[in-house]
Amino acid sequence: MDGPRVVSQDEWLAARKELLAKEKAATHARDELSASRRALPMVEVTKKYVFTGPGGEVSLLDLFEGRRQLIVYHFMWRHAESGFPGEDQGCPTCSFLVDSIGDPAHLHYCDTTLALVSRAPIASIERHRQRMGWPLPWYSSYGSDFNYDFHTSFDTGIAPLEYNYMDAATLERTAPYIRSGTDAFGTSVFLREDARVFHTYSAYGRGVDGLINTYNWLDLTPLGRQRHVAEFQYHDSYDAST
């Protein structure tokens, strides 16, 4: 049998209660971590970034859509020049994550906007968004320093190589796929005070794992996640029999 060992109901209940104590400890630790995240200091964003949306050029302030908080998901793009010959489409891993995002009305109710940003032409972005059927706002940072300043696009002629708070020497040892001319993914959080914008938080790599709800559901099951995130496909690419 491909699964856990079979026991009596009493044995199962004893094991479940033992795990429950660990789950409660982890929940308490997660609450403390969230409080520490909220207590982080913030940095004012003074550079004037220009993005392109379906209706034309917009500013970082415009991305808030009038709300107090903004969460940006830095959606990695697969450029032919980045080592994906013949490609001009959104990253499958990032697409997997965005598939996990529910109705943004609940975020809006909490005065928070969630937006996607990619270093790609807006026409390419709109093509991929329509294919995936996502209603979320999605902007192009093509020609802007935004992705470079928030360390999700890499060009040593523009900014020193840095990702997930690691410098170039560390990345060369631990993540050699992060190199000049490539892109990566992450998320950044901003707070608005009238017309002033502040950067409060950014996370990269496994730091965005908790945003993938498919994983959260699979973590409840005996077979677990089963696949590394890179093995997941666009949701319209699976065999109909699965």
Protein backbone atom coordinates (compact mmCIF):
# COMPACT_ATOMS: atom_id res chain seq x y z
CA MET A 1 0.00 0.00 0.00
CA ASP A 2 1.38 3.40 -1.03
CA GLY A 3 0.51 5.37 2.08
CA PRO A 4 0.73 5.51 5.88
CA ARG A 5 0.69 2.34 7.99
CA VAL A 6 -2.70 1.05 9.11
CA VAL A 7 -3.47 1.23 12.85
CA SER A 8 -6.45 1.10 15.21
CA GLN A 9 -8.65 4.15 15.81
CA ASP A 10 -7.13 4.59 19.30
CA GLU A 11 -3.57 4.54 17.94
CA TRP A 12 -4.53 7.00 15.21
CA LEU A 13 -6.11 9.38 17.76
CA ALA A 14 -3.01 9.30 19.99
CA ALA A 15 -0.76 10.08 17.02
CA ARG A 16 -3.13 12.82 15.83
CA LYS A 17 -3.10 14.52 19.24
CA GLU A 18 0.70 14.38 19.31
CA LEU A 19 0.80 16.08 15.90
CA LEU A 20 -1.83 18.60 17.05
CA ALA A 21 0.53 19.85 19.75
CA LYS A 22 3.21 20.42 17.10
CA GLU A 23 0.70 22.18 14.82
CA LYS A 24 -0.34 24.53 17.63
CA ALA A 25 3.31 25.35 18.36
CA ALA A 26 3.91 26.06 14.67
CA THR A 27 0.80 28.28 14.52
CA HIS A 28 2.04 30.27 17.51
CA ALA A 29 5.46 30.63 15.90
CA ARG A 30 3.83 31.74 12.63
CA ASP A 31 1.78 34.37 14.49
CA GLU A 32 4.94 35.70 16.10
CA LEU A 33 6.67 35.78 12.72
CA SER A 34 3.76 37.71 11.19
CA ALA A 35 3.92 40.24 14.01
CA SER A 36 7.66 40.69 13.41
CA ARG A 37 7.00 41.17 9.70
CA ARG A 38 4.42 43.88 10.43
CA ALA A 39 6.92 45.59 12.75
CA LEU A 40 9.62 45.91 10.07
CA PRO A 41 10.72 49.49 9.39
CA MET A 42 9.99 50.92 5.95
CA VAL A 43 11.80 52.93 3.29
CA GLU A 44 10.25 55.73 1.26
CA VAL A 45 10.22 55.11 -2.49
CA THR A 46 11.22 58.36 -4.14
CA LYS A 47 12.15 57.14 -7.63
CA LYS A 48 9.42 57.78 -10.19
CA TYR A 49 8.73 54.42 -11.81
CA VAL A 50 6.64 54.23 -14.98
CA PHE A 51 4.64 51.11 -15.81
CA THR A 52 2.42 50.29 -18.76
CA GLY A 53 -1.05 48.84 -18.31
CA PRO A 54 -3.76 48.04 -20.86
CA GLY A 55 -4.82 51.70 -20.77
CA GLY A 56 -1.35 53.24 -21.06
CA GLU A 57 1.32 54.54 -18.70
CA VAL A 58 0.77 54.54 -14.92
CA SER A 59 2.87 55.29 -11.82
CA LEU A 60 3.61 53.16 -8.76
CA LEU A 61 1.05 55.25 -6.89
CA ASP A 62 -1.55 54.38 -9.55
CA LEU A 63 -1.00 50.68 -8.89
CA PHE A 64 -2.60 51.12 -5.44
CA GLU A 65 -5.94 51.91 -7.16
CA GLY A 66 -6.67 54.33 -4.31
CA ARG A 67 -6.16 51.75 -1.55
CA ARG A 68 -3.70 52.05 1.34
CA GLN A 69 -1.67 48.88 0.74
CA LEU A 70 -0.19 47.33 -2.39
CA ILE A 71 1.19 43.82 -2.84
CA VAL A 72 3.21 43.34 -6.04
CA TYR A 73 3.95 39.88 -7.33
CA HIS A 74 7.06 40.08 -9.51
CA PHE A 75 5.93 37.68 -12.24
CA MET A 76 8.92 36.18 -14.03
CA TRP A 77 8.82 36.33 -17.83
CA ARG A 78 10.39 33.76 -20.14
CA HIS A 79 12.36 35.79 -22.67
CA ALA A 80 14.14 34.16 -25.58
CA GLU A 81 17.25 36.16 -24.68
CA SER A 82 17.13 34.77 -21.12
CA GLY A 83 17.81 31.21 -22.23
CA PHE A 84 14.31 30.15 -23.38
CA PRO A 85 14.71 30.02 -27.18
CA GLY A 86 11.57 30.94 -29.08
CA GLU A 87 9.63 31.82 -25.92
CA ASP A 88 7.73 34.95 -24.99
CA GLN A 89 5.35 33.91 -22.23
CA GLY A 90 4.81 33.93 -18.50
CA CYS A 91 6.77 31.55 -16.31
CA PRO A 92 4.88 28.28 -15.57
CA THR A 93 5.90 28.44 -11.89
CA CYS A 94 4.55 31.98 -11.54
CA SER A 95 1.42 30.93 -13.44
CA PHE A 96 0.98 28.07 -10.95
CA LEU A 97 1.15 30.58 -8.09
CA VAL A 98 -1.29 33.05 -9.66
CA ASP A 99 -3.76 30.22 -10.27
CA SER A 100 -3.85 29.94 -6.45
CA ILE A 101 -5.06 33.52 -5.95
CA GLY A 102 -8.75 33.80 -5.12
CA ASP A 103 -11.23 36.64 -5.54
CA PRO A 104 -9.39 39.92 -4.80
CA ALA A 105 -12.57 41.39 -3.27
CA HIS A 106 -11.44 40.14 0.14
CA LEU A 107 -8.11 41.98 -0.20
CA HIS A 108 -9.90 45.09 -1.44
CA TYR A 109 -12.15 44.99 1.63
CA CYS A 110 -8.94 45.19 3.69
CA ASP A 111 -7.79 48.28 1.73
CA THR A 112 -5.19 46.21 -0.19
CA THR A 113 -4.53 45.84 -3.91
CA LEU A 114 -2.70 42.87 -5.41
CA ALA A 115 -1.04 43.49 -8.78
CA LEU A 116 1.29 41.55 -11.04
CA VAL A 117 4.34 43.19 -12.61
CA SER A 118 6.55 41.69 -15.33
CA ARG A 119 9.50 42.93 -17.35
CA ALA A 120 7.76 42.17 -20.63
CA PRO A 121 5.85 44.09 -23.32
CA ILE A 122 2.24 44.78 -22.33
CA ALA A 123 0.98 43.04 -25.49
CA SER A 124 2.72 39.82 -24.43
CA ILE A 125 1.37 40.17 -20.88
CA GLU A 126 -2.20 40.68 -22.10
CA ARG A 127 -1.93 37.66 -24.38
CA HIS A 128 -0.83 35.42 -21.50
CA ARG A 129 -3.36 36.89 -19.06
CA GLN A 130 -6.23 36.25 -21.46
CA ARG A 131 -5.02 32.70 -22.06
CA MET A 132 -4.94 32.03 -18.30
CA GLY A 133 -8.23 33.85 -17.64
CA TRP A 134 -6.95 35.98 -14.75
CA PRO A 135 -8.81 39.17 -13.74
CA LEU A 136 -5.92 40.61 -11.70
CA PRO A 137 -4.29 43.87 -12.82
CA TRP A 138 -0.98 43.15 -14.56
CA TYR A 139 1.54 45.79 -15.59
CA SER A 140 4.67 45.95 -17.70
CA SER A 141 7.85 47.35 -16.16
CA TYR A 142 9.64 47.10 -19.51
CA GLY A 143 12.16 49.94 -19.81
CA SER A 144 11.88 50.76 -16.08
CA ASP A 145 14.37 50.21 -13.26
CA PHE A 146 11.64 48.72 -11.07
CA ASN A 147 12.52 45.03 -11.50
CA TYR A 148 16.24 45.74 -11.15
CA ASP A 149 15.79 47.87 -8.03
CA PHE A 150 13.68 45.16 -6.40
CA HIS A 151 16.10 42.42 -7.48
CA THR A 152 13.95 40.31 -9.80
CA SER A 153 15.73 41.22 -13.05
CA PHE A 154 19.48 41.08 -13.39
CA ASP A 155 21.84 43.15 -15.51
CA THR A 156 25.21 43.96 -14.01
CA GLY A 157 25.37 46.97 -16.31
CA ILE A 158 22.39 48.43 -14.43
CA ALA A 159 22.70 47.11 -10.85
CA PRO A 160 24.94 44.72 -8.89
CA LEU A 161 23.73 41.12 -8.90
CA GLU A 162 21.58 40.37 -5.84
CA TYR A 163 18.72 37.96 -5.20
CA ASN A 164 17.06 36.75 -2.01
CA TYR A 165 19.46 38.97 -0.04
CA MET A 166 22.49 37.13 -1.41
CA ASP A 167 25.36 38.86 -3.22
CA ALA A 168 26.94 37.75 -6.50
CA ALA A 169 29.60 35.55 -4.85
CA THR A 170 27.01 33.69 -2.76
CA LEU A 171 24.67 33.29 -5.74
CA GLU A 172 27.48 31.83 -7.85
CA ARG A 173 27.92 29.09 -5.23
CA THR A 174 24.28 28.42 -4.34
CA ALA A 175 22.13 29.60 -7.27
CA PRO A 176 24.23 29.84 -10.46
CA TYR A 177 21.07 30.12 -12.57
CA ILE A 178 20.70 33.67 -11.20
CA ARG A 179 22.96 35.61 -13.53
CA SER A 180 23.10 38.79 -15.57
CA GLY A 181 20.49 38.82 -18.33
CA THR A 182 17.94 36.67 -16.50
CA ASP A 183 14.81 37.28 -14.40
CA ALA A 184 13.40 35.74 -11.23
CA PHE A 185 10.26 35.99 -9.09
CA GLY A 186 9.33 37.47 -5.74
CA THR A 187 6.83 39.66 -3.97
CA SER A 188 7.05 43.19 -2.56
CA VAL A 189 4.72 45.10 -0.26
CA PHE A 190 4.12 48.85 -0.20
CA LEU A 191 2.20 51.23 2.06
CA ARG A 192 0.74 54.55 0.95
CA GLU A 193 0.50 57.70 3.05
CA ASP A 194 -1.39 60.14 0.82
CA ALA A 195 0.97 60.58 -2.18
CA ARG A 196 4.00 59.08 -0.42
CA VAL A 197 4.86 55.40 -1.03
CA PHE A 198 6.89 53.22 1.32
CA HIS A 199 8.46 49.81 0.74
CA THR A 200 7.81 47.55 3.75
CA TYR A 201 8.69 43.98 2.73
CA SER A 202 10.04 41.75 -0.03
CA ALA A 203 10.47 37.97 -0.28
CA TYR A 204 11.97 35.68 -2.90
CA GLY A 205 12.51 31.98 -3.62
CA ARG A 206 10.98 29.74 -0.93
CA GLY A 207 9.83 32.91 0.82
CA VAL A 208 6.77 32.95 -1.45
CA ASP A 209 5.94 29.25 -0.89
CA GLY A 210 3.08 30.10 1.46
CA LEU A 211 1.29 31.98 -1.34
CA ILE A 212 0.74 28.74 -3.32
CA ASN A 213 -2.59 27.47 -2.04
CA THR A 214 -2.34 24.24 -4.03
CA TYR A 215 0.62 23.32 -1.84
CA ASN A 216 -1.30 24.24 1.32
CA TRP A 217 -4.06 21.82 0.35
CA LEU A 218 -1.65 19.05 -0.71
CA ASP A 219 0.26 19.41 2.57
CA LEU A 220 -2.86 18.04 4.30
CA THR A 221 -2.74 14.80 2.32
CA PRO A 222 -0.73 11.61 2.93
CA LEU A 223 0.95 11.82 -0.48
CA GLY A 224 1.94 15.46 0.08
CA ARG A 225 3.07 17.81 -2.68
CA GLN A 226 4.26 14.93 -4.90
CA ARG A 227 5.92 17.29 -7.40
CA HIS A 228 8.42 20.10 -7.23
CA VAL A 229 6.87 23.40 -8.27
CA ALA A 230 8.90 23.43 -11.51
CA GLU A 231 7.13 20.25 -12.62
CA PHE A 232 3.69 21.86 -12.62
CA GLN A 233 2.39 23.10 -15.96
CA TYR A 234 0.06 25.81 -17.25
CA HIS A 235 -3.42 24.82 -16.12
CA ASP A 236 -4.59 24.40 -19.74
CA SER A 237 -1.71 22.03 -20.57
CA TYR A 238 -2.56 18.99 -18.43
CA ASP A 239 -3.76 15.78 -19.99
CA ALA A 240 -7.57 15.68 -19.84
CA SER A 241 -7.37 12.32 -18.03
CA THR A 242 -5.63 13.80 -14.94
